[in-house]
Amino acid sequence: MRFRRRQPSRRYYAREGRRWKRGEQKILADPCVFTVGVGAHQWAEAWVIGDLTAAPLHEDSFDRWSAALGMELPYALTFEMVINAVLQRAVSDGAITVPEPGTIKSKSNVRDPFTETTIGIGLGFVSSRTKRLTTASPETLMYADLNARPELGVDAAVALLRAASDIMRAPRHP
């Protein structure tokens, strides 16, 4: 007789779904969660230096930002990786308030249907305690929106934090 692994039931998945939704609602009930701190400009001034002060945080100039973030990887860097690095740095330095120790990072991609290139990302909060996606943004951060922003250097980094905060705090639909 062969051992057959037991599949979770529909009740199990429904219970897990309710538990996840309650946890997300509990996190989002705090008005300070996912807000940009008052010291965000000072935070950005500490590491946005040199020629980066005149660089926009756009899809075509992310290579300068990756060098400033120390992202010398053996494989090709993407704009998504740079956004993740900036958000991770902001959370670890306290420039964005999060509900518990963890990080904000991309959870999904939006691709152009014709060219198959990434045109936006969905953000999520991953708790350090559980190593799981705790809450996800209901909207996506579109690269076109970031490319249209006129801010440079420090202001561009703070604008990214504000955009991520707005997306994470957007109202959820039941």
N, C-alpha and C. Protein backbone atom coordinates (compact mmCIF):
# COMPACT_ATOMS: atom_id res chain seq x y z
N MET A 1 0.84 -1.17 0.00
CA MET A 1 0.00 0.00 0.00
C MET A 1 0.89 1.25 0.00
N ARG A 2 0.59 2.12 -0.91
CA ARG A 2 1.41 3.33 -1.03
C ARG A 2 0.85 4.42 -0.12
N PHE A 3 1.78 5.17 0.40
CA PHE A 3 1.39 6.30 1.25
C PHE A 3 0.93 7.44 0.35
N ARG A 4 -0.26 7.94 0.62
CA ARG A 4 -0.78 9.06 -0.15
C ARG A 4 -0.84 10.29 0.74
N ARG A 5 -0.27 11.33 0.25
CA ARG A 5 -0.26 12.57 1.01
C ARG A 5 -1.67 13.16 1.03
N ARG A 6 -2.07 13.59 2.20
CA ARG A 6 -3.42 14.13 2.36
C ARG A 6 -3.46 15.57 1.85
N GLN A 7 -4.42 15.87 1.01
CA GLN A 7 -4.59 17.21 0.46
C GLN A 7 -5.40 18.06 1.43
N PRO A 8 -5.03 19.33 1.59
CA PRO A 8 -5.82 20.20 2.45
C PRO A 8 -7.24 20.36 1.91
N SER A 9 -8.17 20.51 2.81
CA SER A 9 -9.58 20.63 2.42
C SER A 9 -9.92 22.07 2.07
N ARG A 10 -11.11 22.24 1.52
CA ARG A 10 -11.60 23.59 1.22
C ARG A 10 -11.77 24.40 2.50
N ARG A 11 -12.16 23.71 3.57
CA ARG A 11 -12.30 24.41 4.85
C ARG A 11 -10.97 24.97 5.33
N TYR A 12 -9.91 24.19 5.13
CA TYR A 12 -8.58 24.65 5.53
C TYR A 12 -8.22 25.93 4.77
N TYR A 13 -8.42 25.93 3.45
CA TYR A 13 -8.08 27.11 2.65
C TYR A 13 -8.97 28.30 3.02
N ALA A 14 -10.24 28.06 3.32
CA ALA A 14 -11.13 29.15 3.72
C ALA A 14 -10.68 29.73 5.07
N ARG A 15 -10.32 28.85 6.00
CA ARG A 15 -9.85 29.31 7.31
C ARG A 15 -8.56 30.11 7.18
N GLU A 16 -7.63 29.63 6.36
CA GLU A 16 -6.38 30.37 6.13
C GLU A 16 -6.64 31.72 5.48
N GLY A 17 -7.57 31.77 4.54
CA GLY A 17 -7.93 33.02 3.89
C GLY A 17 -8.51 34.03 4.86
N ARG A 18 -9.39 33.57 5.76
CA ARG A 18 -9.96 34.46 6.78
C ARG A 18 -8.88 34.93 7.75
N ARG A 19 -7.98 34.05 8.14
CA ARG A 19 -6.91 34.43 9.05
C ARG A 19 -5.99 35.46 8.42
N TRP A 20 -5.66 35.28 7.16
CA TRP A 20 -4.80 36.22 6.45
C TRP A 20 -5.49 37.58 6.33
N LYS A 21 -6.79 37.59 6.02
CA LYS A 21 -7.54 38.84 5.87
C LYS A 21 -7.64 39.58 7.21
N ARG A 22 -7.87 38.84 8.31
CA ARG A 22 -7.93 39.46 9.64
C ARG A 22 -6.58 40.08 10.00
N GLY A 23 -5.50 39.37 9.70
CA GLY A 23 -4.17 39.89 9.99
C GLY A 23 -3.88 41.15 9.19
N GLU A 24 -4.27 41.16 7.94
CA GLU A 24 -4.05 42.35 7.11
C GLU A 24 -4.88 43.52 7.62
N GLN A 25 -6.13 43.30 7.99
CA GLN A 25 -6.98 44.37 8.51
C GLN A 25 -6.43 44.91 9.81
N LYS A 26 -5.87 44.04 10.65
CA LYS A 26 -5.29 44.47 11.91
C LYS A 26 -4.07 45.37 11.66
N ILE A 27 -3.26 45.00 10.68
CA ILE A 27 -2.09 45.81 10.35
C ILE A 27 -2.52 47.17 9.82
N LEU A 28 -3.48 47.18 8.90
CA LEU A 28 -3.89 48.43 8.25
C LEU A 28 -4.74 49.32 9.14
N ALA A 29 -5.21 48.83 10.29
CA ALA A 29 -6.00 49.66 11.20
C ALA A 29 -5.14 50.72 11.88
N ASP A 30 -3.85 50.52 11.96
CA ASP A 30 -2.94 51.48 12.57
C ASP A 30 -2.70 52.63 11.60
N PRO A 31 -3.03 53.88 11.98
CA PRO A 31 -2.87 55.00 11.04
C PRO A 31 -1.42 55.35 10.74
N CYS A 32 -0.47 54.87 11.52
CA CYS A 32 0.94 55.20 11.28
C CYS A 32 1.64 54.20 10.38
N VAL A 33 0.98 53.12 10.04
CA VAL A 33 1.61 52.07 9.24
C VAL A 33 1.82 52.54 7.80
N PHE A 34 2.98 52.26 7.27
CA PHE A 34 3.36 52.58 5.89
C PHE A 34 3.33 54.08 5.61
N THR A 35 3.70 54.89 6.59
CA THR A 35 3.80 56.32 6.37
C THR A 35 5.27 56.72 6.30
N VAL A 36 5.53 57.76 5.54
CA VAL A 36 6.89 58.27 5.39
C VAL A 36 7.17 59.19 6.57
N GLY A 37 8.30 58.98 7.23
CA GLY A 37 8.66 59.77 8.39
C GLY A 37 9.07 61.19 8.05
N VAL A 38 9.09 62.05 9.08
CA VAL A 38 9.44 63.45 8.86
C VAL A 38 10.91 63.61 8.49
N GLY A 39 11.74 62.65 8.83
CA GLY A 39 13.17 62.74 8.52
C GLY A 39 13.56 62.08 7.21
N ALA A 40 12.61 61.93 6.30
CA ALA A 40 12.90 61.24 5.03
C ALA A 40 13.91 62.00 4.19
N HIS A 41 13.84 63.33 4.20
CA HIS A 41 14.80 64.11 3.41
C HIS A 41 16.21 63.95 3.97
N GLN A 42 16.35 63.99 5.30
CA GLN A 42 17.67 63.80 5.91
C GLN A 42 18.18 62.39 5.63
N TRP A 43 17.29 61.40 5.65
CA TRP A 43 17.68 60.03 5.34
C TRP A 43 18.24 59.95 3.93
N ALA A 44 17.55 60.56 2.98
CA ALA A 44 18.00 60.50 1.58
C ALA A 44 19.28 61.31 1.37
N GLU A 45 19.42 62.44 2.06
CA GLU A 45 20.63 63.25 1.90
C GLU A 45 21.87 62.52 2.38
N ALA A 46 21.71 61.56 3.27
CA ALA A 46 22.86 60.83 3.81
C ALA A 46 23.51 59.91 2.77
N TRP A 47 22.75 59.42 1.80
CA TRP A 47 23.34 58.48 0.84
C TRP A 47 23.19 58.89 -0.62
N VAL A 48 22.37 59.87 -0.92
CA VAL A 48 22.25 60.37 -2.29
C VAL A 48 23.29 61.48 -2.44
N ILE A 49 24.45 61.11 -2.96
CA ILE A 49 25.56 62.05 -3.07
C ILE A 49 26.17 62.00 -4.46
N GLY A 50 27.03 62.95 -4.74
CA GLY A 50 27.75 62.96 -6.02
C GLY A 50 26.84 63.29 -7.19
N ASP A 51 27.06 62.60 -8.31
CA ASP A 51 26.26 62.88 -9.50
C ASP A 51 24.82 62.38 -9.37
N LEU A 52 24.53 61.63 -8.32
CA LEU A 52 23.19 61.13 -8.09
C LEU A 52 22.23 62.25 -7.67
N THR A 53 22.78 63.37 -7.16
CA THR A 53 21.93 64.48 -6.73
C THR A 53 21.22 65.14 -7.91
N ALA A 54 21.72 64.95 -9.11
CA ALA A 54 21.08 65.52 -10.30
C ALA A 54 20.45 64.45 -11.18
N ALA A 55 20.26 63.25 -10.65
CA ALA A 55 19.72 62.15 -11.45
C ALA A 55 18.28 61.86 -11.05
N PRO A 56 17.40 61.70 -12.02
CA PRO A 56 16.03 61.29 -11.70
C PRO A 56 15.99 59.79 -11.43
N LEU A 57 15.01 59.37 -10.68
CA LEU A 57 14.83 57.94 -10.43
C LEU A 57 13.88 57.39 -11.49
N HIS A 58 14.42 57.21 -12.68
CA HIS A 58 13.65 56.75 -13.83
C HIS A 58 14.17 55.41 -14.30
N GLU A 59 13.41 54.80 -15.17
CA GLU A 59 13.76 53.49 -15.69
C GLU A 59 15.04 53.52 -16.51
N ASP A 60 15.34 54.65 -17.15
CA ASP A 60 16.54 54.72 -17.98
C ASP A 60 17.77 55.20 -17.23
N SER A 61 17.63 55.60 -15.97
CA SER A 61 18.79 56.07 -15.20
C SER A 61 19.01 55.26 -13.93
N PHE A 62 18.48 54.05 -13.88
CA PHE A 62 18.59 53.28 -12.64
C PHE A 62 19.99 52.73 -12.41
N ASP A 63 20.84 52.70 -13.45
CA ASP A 63 22.19 52.18 -13.27
C ASP A 63 23.02 53.05 -12.32
N ARG A 64 22.81 54.37 -12.35
CA ARG A 64 23.53 55.25 -11.41
C ARG A 64 23.05 55.01 -9.98
N TRP A 65 21.76 54.76 -9.82
CA TRP A 65 21.21 54.49 -8.50
C TRP A 65 21.72 53.15 -7.97
N SER A 66 21.84 52.17 -8.83
CA SER A 66 22.32 50.86 -8.37
C SER A 66 23.76 50.95 -7.90
N ALA A 67 24.57 51.78 -8.55
CA ALA A 67 25.95 51.95 -8.10
C ALA A 67 25.99 52.62 -6.73
N ALA A 68 25.13 53.60 -6.50
CA ALA A 68 25.10 54.28 -5.20
C ALA A 68 24.61 53.36 -4.09
N LEU A 69 23.76 52.41 -4.45
CA LEU A 69 23.24 51.46 -3.46
C LEU A 69 24.18 50.27 -3.24
N GLY A 70 25.27 50.23 -4.00
CA GLY A 70 26.24 49.13 -3.86
C GLY A 70 25.75 47.83 -4.43
N MET A 71 24.99 47.91 -5.50
CA MET A 71 24.40 46.71 -6.10
C MET A 71 25.26 46.25 -7.28
N GLU A 72 26.40 45.73 -7.00
CA GLU A 72 27.26 45.18 -8.04
C GLU A 72 27.05 43.67 -8.06
N LEU A 73 26.11 43.25 -8.87
CA LEU A 73 25.76 41.84 -8.93
C LEU A 73 26.29 41.21 -10.22
N PRO A 74 26.51 39.93 -10.23
CA PRO A 74 27.04 39.29 -11.43
C PRO A 74 26.03 39.17 -12.57
N TYR A 75 24.78 39.46 -12.31
CA TYR A 75 23.76 39.36 -13.35
C TYR A 75 23.17 40.74 -13.62
N ALA A 76 22.38 40.84 -14.63
CA ALA A 76 21.83 42.12 -15.05
C ALA A 76 20.87 42.69 -14.00
N LEU A 77 21.07 43.95 -13.69
CA LEU A 77 20.20 44.63 -12.74
C LEU A 77 18.96 45.15 -13.46
N THR A 78 17.88 45.23 -12.72
CA THR A 78 16.64 45.76 -13.28
C THR A 78 16.16 46.92 -12.42
N PHE A 79 15.26 47.69 -12.98
CA PHE A 79 14.68 48.82 -12.26
C PHE A 79 13.95 48.33 -11.02
N GLU A 80 13.30 47.18 -11.11
CA GLU A 80 12.60 46.59 -9.98
C GLU A 80 13.55 46.32 -8.81
N MET A 81 14.74 45.84 -9.11
CA MET A 81 15.72 45.54 -8.06
C MET A 81 16.18 46.82 -7.37
N VAL A 82 16.33 47.90 -8.13
CA VAL A 82 16.74 49.17 -7.55
C VAL A 82 15.63 49.71 -6.65
N ILE A 83 14.38 49.63 -7.09
CA ILE A 83 13.25 50.07 -6.26
C ILE A 83 13.20 49.26 -4.97
N ASN A 84 13.38 47.95 -5.08
CA ASN A 84 13.40 47.09 -3.88
C ASN A 84 14.52 47.49 -2.93
N ALA A 85 15.70 47.80 -3.47
CA ALA A 85 16.83 48.18 -2.62
C ALA A 85 16.57 49.50 -1.90
N VAL A 86 15.99 50.48 -2.60
CA VAL A 86 15.68 51.76 -1.96
C VAL A 86 14.64 51.56 -0.86
N LEU A 87 13.60 50.79 -1.14
CA LEU A 87 12.56 50.55 -0.13
C LEU A 87 13.10 49.77 1.05
N GLN A 88 13.95 48.78 0.79
CA GLN A 88 14.53 48.00 1.88
C GLN A 88 15.41 48.88 2.76
N ARG A 89 16.17 49.76 2.13
CA ARG A 89 17.02 50.68 2.89
C ARG A 89 16.16 51.64 3.71
N ALA A 90 15.06 52.11 3.14
CA ALA A 90 14.17 53.04 3.85
C ALA A 90 13.54 52.38 5.07
N VAL A 91 13.13 51.14 4.93
CA VAL A 91 12.52 50.43 6.05
C VAL A 91 13.56 50.15 7.13
N SER A 92 14.75 49.70 6.74
CA SER A 92 15.77 49.38 7.74
C SER A 92 16.27 50.62 8.47
N ASP A 93 16.26 51.79 7.80
CA ASP A 93 16.71 53.03 8.44
C ASP A 93 15.58 53.78 9.13
N GLY A 94 14.35 53.30 9.00
CA GLY A 94 13.22 53.92 9.68
C GLY A 94 12.60 55.10 8.95
N ALA A 95 12.85 55.25 7.67
CA ALA A 95 12.25 56.35 6.91
C ALA A 95 10.79 56.06 6.59
N ILE A 96 10.40 54.79 6.57
CA ILE A 96 9.00 54.38 6.41
C ILE A 96 8.62 53.55 7.63
N THR A 97 7.46 53.84 8.20
CA THR A 97 6.99 53.09 9.36
C THR A 97 6.30 51.82 8.89
N VAL A 98 6.72 50.70 9.44
CA VAL A 98 6.11 49.41 9.12
C VAL A 98 5.54 48.80 10.40
N PRO A 99 4.56 47.88 10.27
CA PRO A 99 3.89 47.36 11.47
C PRO A 99 4.77 46.52 12.38
N GLU A 100 5.74 45.83 11.83
CA GLU A 100 6.65 44.99 12.61
C GLU A 100 7.93 44.84 11.79
N PRO A 101 8.99 44.29 12.35
CA PRO A 101 10.21 44.14 11.55
C PRO A 101 9.95 43.34 10.28
N GLY A 102 10.46 43.85 9.20
CA GLY A 102 10.25 43.23 7.90
C GLY A 102 10.69 44.18 6.81
N THR A 103 10.21 43.96 5.61
CA THR A 103 10.59 44.82 4.50
C THR A 103 9.45 44.95 3.49
N ILE A 104 9.47 46.05 2.76
CA ILE A 104 8.55 46.27 1.66
C ILE A 104 9.30 45.90 0.39
N LYS A 105 8.72 45.05 -0.43
CA LYS A 105 9.37 44.66 -1.68
C LYS A 105 8.35 44.30 -2.73
N SER A 106 8.81 44.13 -3.95
CA SER A 106 7.89 43.80 -5.03
C SER A 106 7.36 42.38 -4.85
N LYS A 107 6.10 42.22 -5.17
CA LYS A 107 5.46 40.90 -5.05
C LYS A 107 4.96 40.39 -6.39
N SER A 108 4.79 41.29 -7.35
CA SER A 108 4.29 40.87 -8.66
C SER A 108 4.74 41.86 -9.73
N ASN A 109 4.67 41.44 -10.96
CA ASN A 109 5.02 42.28 -12.10
C ASN A 109 3.81 42.49 -12.97
N VAL A 110 3.76 43.65 -13.60
CA VAL A 110 2.77 43.93 -14.63
C VAL A 110 3.55 44.03 -15.93
N ARG A 111 3.17 43.24 -16.91
CA ARG A 111 3.92 43.21 -18.17
C ARG A 111 3.09 43.77 -19.32
N ASP A 112 3.80 44.38 -20.25
CA ASP A 112 3.18 44.86 -21.47
C ASP A 112 2.77 43.64 -22.29
N PRO A 113 1.53 43.58 -22.77
CA PRO A 113 1.08 42.38 -23.47
C PRO A 113 1.78 42.15 -24.82
N PHE A 114 2.32 43.19 -25.41
CA PHE A 114 2.95 43.04 -26.72
C PHE A 114 4.46 42.82 -26.63
N THR A 115 5.14 43.58 -25.78
CA THR A 115 6.59 43.48 -25.71
C THR A 115 7.09 42.57 -24.60
N GLU A 116 6.20 42.19 -23.67
CA GLU A 116 6.56 41.33 -22.55
C GLU A 116 7.59 41.97 -21.61
N THR A 117 7.72 43.29 -21.63
CA THR A 117 8.60 43.97 -20.70
C THR A 117 7.80 44.37 -19.46
N THR A 118 8.47 44.47 -18.35
CA THR A 118 7.81 44.86 -17.11
C THR A 118 7.51 46.35 -17.15
N ILE A 119 6.26 46.71 -16.89
CA ILE A 119 5.86 48.12 -16.91
C ILE A 119 5.39 48.60 -15.54
N GLY A 120 5.35 47.72 -14.56
CA GLY A 120 4.96 48.09 -13.21
C GLY A 120 5.12 46.93 -12.26
N ILE A 121 5.08 47.25 -10.96
CA ILE A 121 5.23 46.21 -9.94
C ILE A 121 4.18 46.41 -8.85
N GLY A 122 3.76 45.31 -8.27
CA GLY A 122 2.90 45.34 -7.09
C GLY A 122 3.80 45.21 -5.86
N LEU A 123 3.49 45.92 -4.81
CA LEU A 123 4.32 45.90 -3.60
C LEU A 123 3.65 45.07 -2.52
N GLY A 124 4.46 44.56 -1.62
CA GLY A 124 3.96 43.80 -0.49
C GLY A 124 4.87 43.96 0.71
N PHE A 125 4.35 43.69 1.88
CA PHE A 125 5.15 43.72 3.11
C PHE A 125 5.41 42.29 3.55
N VAL A 126 6.67 41.96 3.72
CA VAL A 126 7.09 40.64 4.16
C VAL A 126 7.63 40.76 5.58
N SER A 127 7.01 40.06 6.50
CA SER A 127 7.42 40.10 7.90
C SER A 127 8.67 39.26 8.12
N SER A 128 9.59 39.77 8.93
CA SER A 128 10.80 39.01 9.27
C SER A 128 10.46 37.82 10.16
N ARG A 129 9.42 37.97 10.95
CA ARG A 129 9.02 36.93 11.89
C ARG A 129 8.51 35.68 11.16
N THR A 130 7.69 35.89 10.13
CA THR A 130 7.09 34.75 9.46
C THR A 130 7.71 34.43 8.11
N LYS A 131 8.48 35.35 7.55
CA LYS A 131 9.09 35.18 6.22
C LYS A 131 8.03 34.98 5.15
N ARG A 132 6.83 35.51 5.39
CA ARG A 132 5.73 35.39 4.44
C ARG A 132 5.21 36.76 4.08
N LEU A 133 4.54 36.84 2.96
CA LEU A 133 3.88 38.06 2.56
C LEU A 133 2.73 38.32 3.53
N THR A 134 2.82 39.42 4.26
CA THR A 134 1.81 39.72 5.26
C THR A 134 0.68 40.55 4.68
N THR A 135 1.02 41.55 3.91
CA THR A 135 0.00 42.38 3.27
C THR A 135 0.50 42.80 1.90
N ALA A 136 -0.41 43.00 0.99
CA ALA A 136 -0.06 43.35 -0.38
C ALA A 136 -0.81 44.60 -0.80
N SER A 137 -0.20 45.36 -1.68
CA SER A 137 -0.84 46.59 -2.16
C SER A 137 -1.95 46.25 -3.14
N PRO A 138 -3.06 46.98 -3.06
CA PRO A 138 -4.15 46.72 -4.00
C PRO A 138 -3.89 47.33 -5.37
N GLU A 139 -2.96 48.25 -5.47
CA GLU A 139 -2.63 48.91 -6.73
C GLU A 139 -1.20 48.58 -7.10
N THR A 140 -0.82 48.94 -8.33
CA THR A 140 0.55 48.70 -8.77
C THR A 140 1.29 50.02 -8.90
N LEU A 141 2.58 49.95 -8.75
CA LEU A 141 3.48 51.08 -8.96
C LEU A 141 3.94 51.01 -10.40
N MET A 142 3.41 51.88 -11.23
CA MET A 142 3.71 51.84 -12.67
C MET A 142 4.98 52.62 -12.95
N TYR A 143 5.84 52.05 -13.78
CA TYR A 143 7.09 52.71 -14.15
C TYR A 143 6.83 54.03 -14.87
N ALA A 144 5.76 54.10 -15.65
CA ALA A 144 5.45 55.33 -16.39
C ALA A 144 5.18 56.48 -15.42
N ASP A 145 4.55 56.18 -14.27
CA ASP A 145 4.30 57.21 -13.27
C ASP A 145 5.61 57.72 -12.67
N LEU A 146 6.53 56.80 -12.41
CA LEU A 146 7.84 57.22 -11.88
C LEU A 146 8.64 57.98 -12.94
N ASN A 147 8.57 57.54 -14.19
CA ASN A 147 9.31 58.21 -15.26
C ASN A 147 8.79 59.62 -15.52
N ALA A 148 7.53 59.88 -15.21
CA ALA A 148 6.93 61.19 -15.45
C ALA A 148 7.24 62.19 -14.34
N ARG A 149 7.78 61.73 -13.24
CA ARG A 149 8.05 62.63 -12.11
C ARG A 149 9.28 63.48 -12.39
N PRO A 150 9.23 64.77 -12.07
CA PRO A 150 10.35 65.67 -12.38
C PRO A 150 11.43 65.74 -11.30
N GLU A 151 11.22 65.09 -10.15
CA GLU A 151 12.16 65.22 -9.04
C GLU A 151 13.53 64.62 -9.37
N LEU A 152 14.55 65.19 -8.76
CA LEU A 152 15.93 64.72 -8.95
C LEU A 152 16.55 64.41 -7.60
N GLY A 153 17.46 63.46 -7.58
CA GLY A 153 18.26 63.16 -6.40
C GLY A 153 17.46 62.82 -5.16
N VAL A 154 17.67 63.62 -4.11
CA VAL A 154 17.03 63.40 -2.82
C VAL A 154 15.51 63.43 -2.97
N ASP A 155 15.02 64.40 -3.71
CA ASP A 155 13.57 64.52 -3.89
C ASP A 155 13.00 63.31 -4.64
N ALA A 156 13.76 62.74 -5.56
CA ALA A 156 13.30 61.55 -6.29
C ALA A 156 13.19 60.35 -5.36
N ALA A 157 14.16 60.19 -4.45
CA ALA A 157 14.10 59.08 -3.50
C ALA A 157 12.91 59.23 -2.56
N VAL A 158 12.67 60.46 -2.08
CA VAL A 158 11.53 60.70 -1.18
C VAL A 158 10.22 60.52 -1.94
N ALA A 159 10.18 60.92 -3.22
CA ALA A 159 8.96 60.73 -4.02
C ALA A 159 8.65 59.25 -4.18
N LEU A 160 9.68 58.41 -4.35
CA LEU A 160 9.45 56.96 -4.43
C LEU A 160 8.87 56.44 -3.12
N LEU A 161 9.38 56.92 -1.98
CA LEU A 161 8.85 56.50 -0.69
C LEU A 161 7.39 56.92 -0.54
N ARG A 162 7.08 58.13 -0.95
CA ARG A 162 5.69 58.60 -0.85
C ARG A 162 4.76 57.80 -1.77
N ALA A 163 5.23 57.49 -2.97
CA ALA A 163 4.42 56.68 -3.90
C ALA A 163 4.17 55.29 -3.32
N ALA A 164 5.21 54.67 -2.76
CA ALA A 164 5.05 53.35 -2.15
C ALA A 164 4.11 53.41 -0.95
N SER A 165 4.22 54.46 -0.15
CA SER A 165 3.34 54.63 1.00
C SER A 165 1.90 54.79 0.56
N ASP A 166 1.67 55.59 -0.47
CA ASP A 166 0.30 55.79 -0.96
C ASP A 166 -0.29 54.49 -1.48
N ILE A 167 0.52 53.71 -2.18
CA ILE A 167 0.03 52.45 -2.74
C ILE A 167 -0.26 51.43 -1.64
N MET A 168 0.62 51.35 -0.65
CA MET A 168 0.40 50.38 0.43
C MET A 168 -0.79 50.77 1.31
N ARG A 169 -1.09 52.06 1.41
CA ARG A 169 -2.19 52.52 2.26
C ARG A 169 -3.49 52.70 1.48
N ALA A 170 -3.50 52.35 0.20
CA ALA A 170 -4.71 52.48 -0.62
C ALA A 170 -5.82 51.61 -0.04
N PRO A 171 -7.07 52.03 -0.18
CA PRO A 171 -8.17 51.23 0.38
C PRO A 171 -8.30 49.87 -0.30
N ARG A 172 -8.56 48.87 0.49
CA ARG A 172 -8.74 47.50 -0.01
C ARG A 172 -10.20 47.29 -0.36
N HIS A 173 -10.45 46.47 -1.33
CA HIS A 173 -11.81 46.09 -1.68
C HIS A 173 -12.10 44.72 -1.11
N PRO A 174 -13.26 44.54 -0.46
CA PRO A 174 -13.54 43.24 0.16
C PRO A 174 -13.76 42.15 -0.85
